[in-house]
Amino acid sequence: MVQTFKTLTIIVLVILVFSSCAERQDVEACVEGGAYGFLGGLLHGIIAPIGLIGMLFKDDITVFATNNNGFWYAFGFLIGSGGWGILAGKSRK
């Protein structure tokens, strides 16, 4: 039983290692110009559902900007996309 568990664990680890190899993407074309900040993230968060649908049909559309300034872009994106329901109000009658 222990030998079977070890064998299964090794097989799963080998599968994980080989399946985790991702193709390297060239992002130099995306990082030209200024980086997106808070307002860019806010806008991208608001239009994220449209971008998600667009990603199904075109390869050059993404939801999250590659050329961003980090935390503030992510914070704006989170607020713009509704941020785990933070902005969703509960109506009371």
Protein backbone atom coordinates (compact mmCIF):
# COMPACT_ATOMS: atom_id res chain seq x y z
CA MET A 1 0.00 0.00 0.00
CA VAL A 2 2.82 2.39 0.89
CA GLN A 3 4.66 1.53 -2.33
CA THR A 4 1.50 2.25 -4.35
CA PHE A 5 1.11 5.63 -2.64
CA LYS A 6 4.75 6.54 -3.38
CA THR A 7 4.38 5.50 -7.01
CA LEU A 8 1.17 7.48 -7.40
CA THR A 9 2.77 10.53 -5.76
CA ILE A 10 5.74 10.39 -8.12
CA ILE A 11 3.47 10.05 -11.16
CA VAL A 12 1.38 13.04 -10.06
CA LEU A 13 4.50 15.16 -9.43
CA VAL A 14 5.94 14.26 -12.84
CA ILE A 15 2.65 15.18 -14.52
CA LEU A 16 2.57 18.50 -12.64
CA VAL A 17 6.14 19.34 -13.59
CA PHE A 18 5.64 18.63 -17.28
CA SER A 19 2.23 20.26 -17.48
CA SER A 20 3.43 23.44 -15.80
CA CYS A 21 5.80 24.38 -18.61
CA ALA A 22 4.30 27.45 -20.25
CA GLU A 23 5.23 29.12 -23.49
CA ARG A 24 7.20 32.32 -22.97
CA GLN A 25 5.33 35.35 -24.31
CA ASP A 26 7.09 38.40 -25.72
CA VAL A 27 5.59 41.39 -23.90
CA GLU A 28 7.92 44.08 -25.25
CA ALA A 29 5.19 45.35 -27.60
CA CYS A 30 2.81 45.71 -24.66
CA VAL A 31 5.10 47.75 -22.45
CA GLU A 32 5.72 50.65 -24.80
CA GLY A 33 4.65 54.04 -23.51
CA GLY A 34 3.45 54.86 -20.02
CA ALA A 35 2.21 52.33 -17.53
CA TYR A 36 -1.45 52.13 -16.58
CA GLY A 37 -2.18 53.38 -13.08
CA PHE A 38 -5.21 53.50 -10.80
CA LEU A 39 -7.58 55.14 -13.30
CA GLY A 40 -6.54 52.72 -16.05
CA GLY A 41 -7.19 49.82 -13.71
CA LEU A 42 -10.56 51.27 -12.75
CA LEU A 43 -11.58 51.58 -16.40
CA HIS A 44 -10.31 48.11 -17.25
CA GLY A 45 -12.21 46.68 -14.28
CA ILE A 46 -15.44 48.30 -15.45
CA ILE A 47 -15.08 46.94 -18.99
CA ALA A 48 -13.71 43.54 -17.89
CA PRO A 49 -16.84 41.56 -18.86
CA ILE A 50 -16.65 42.98 -22.39
CA GLY A 51 -12.94 42.17 -22.53
CA LEU A 52 -13.60 38.63 -21.36
CA ILE A 53 -16.05 38.07 -24.20
CA GLY A 54 -13.60 39.67 -26.62
CA MET A 55 -10.86 37.27 -25.48
CA LEU A 56 -12.94 34.37 -26.79
CA PHE A 57 -12.75 35.69 -30.35
CA LYS A 58 -9.43 37.56 -30.62
CA ASP A 59 -5.99 36.68 -29.31
CA ASP A 60 -4.83 40.29 -28.92
CA ILE A 61 -7.49 41.23 -26.34
CA THR A 62 -6.72 40.80 -22.65
CA VAL A 63 -8.63 41.65 -19.49
CA PHE A 64 -5.67 42.76 -17.35
CA ALA A 65 -3.09 45.20 -18.78
CA THR A 66 0.45 43.85 -18.94
CA ASN A 67 1.97 47.32 -18.74
CA ASN A 68 0.77 48.45 -15.32
CA ASN A 69 2.36 50.03 -12.27
CA GLY A 70 1.51 47.22 -9.87
CA PHE A 71 -0.55 47.74 -6.74
CA TRP A 72 -2.49 50.83 -7.76
CA TYR A 73 -3.52 49.35 -11.10
CA ALA A 74 -4.64 46.14 -9.39
CA PHE A 75 -6.52 48.13 -6.73
CA GLY A 76 -8.33 50.17 -9.40
CA PHE A 77 -9.12 47.01 -11.35
CA LEU A 78 -10.53 45.39 -8.21
CA ILE A 79 -12.77 48.37 -7.47
CA GLY A 80 -13.83 48.68 -11.11
CA SER A 81 -14.78 45.03 -11.35
CA GLY A 82 -16.85 45.17 -8.18
CA GLY A 83 -14.17 43.81 -5.87
CA TRP A 84 -15.70 40.72 -4.31
CA GLY A 85 -19.05 42.43 -3.99
CA ILE A 86 -17.73 45.40 -2.00
CA LEU A 87 -19.60 47.82 -4.23
CA ALA A 88 -22.72 45.69 -4.53
CA GLY A 89 -25.35 47.35 -2.42
CA LYS A 90 -28.15 45.50 -0.74
CA SER A 91 -31.50 47.05 -1.34
CA ARG A 92 -33.87 47.06 1.59
CA LYS A 93 -37.56 47.57 1.29
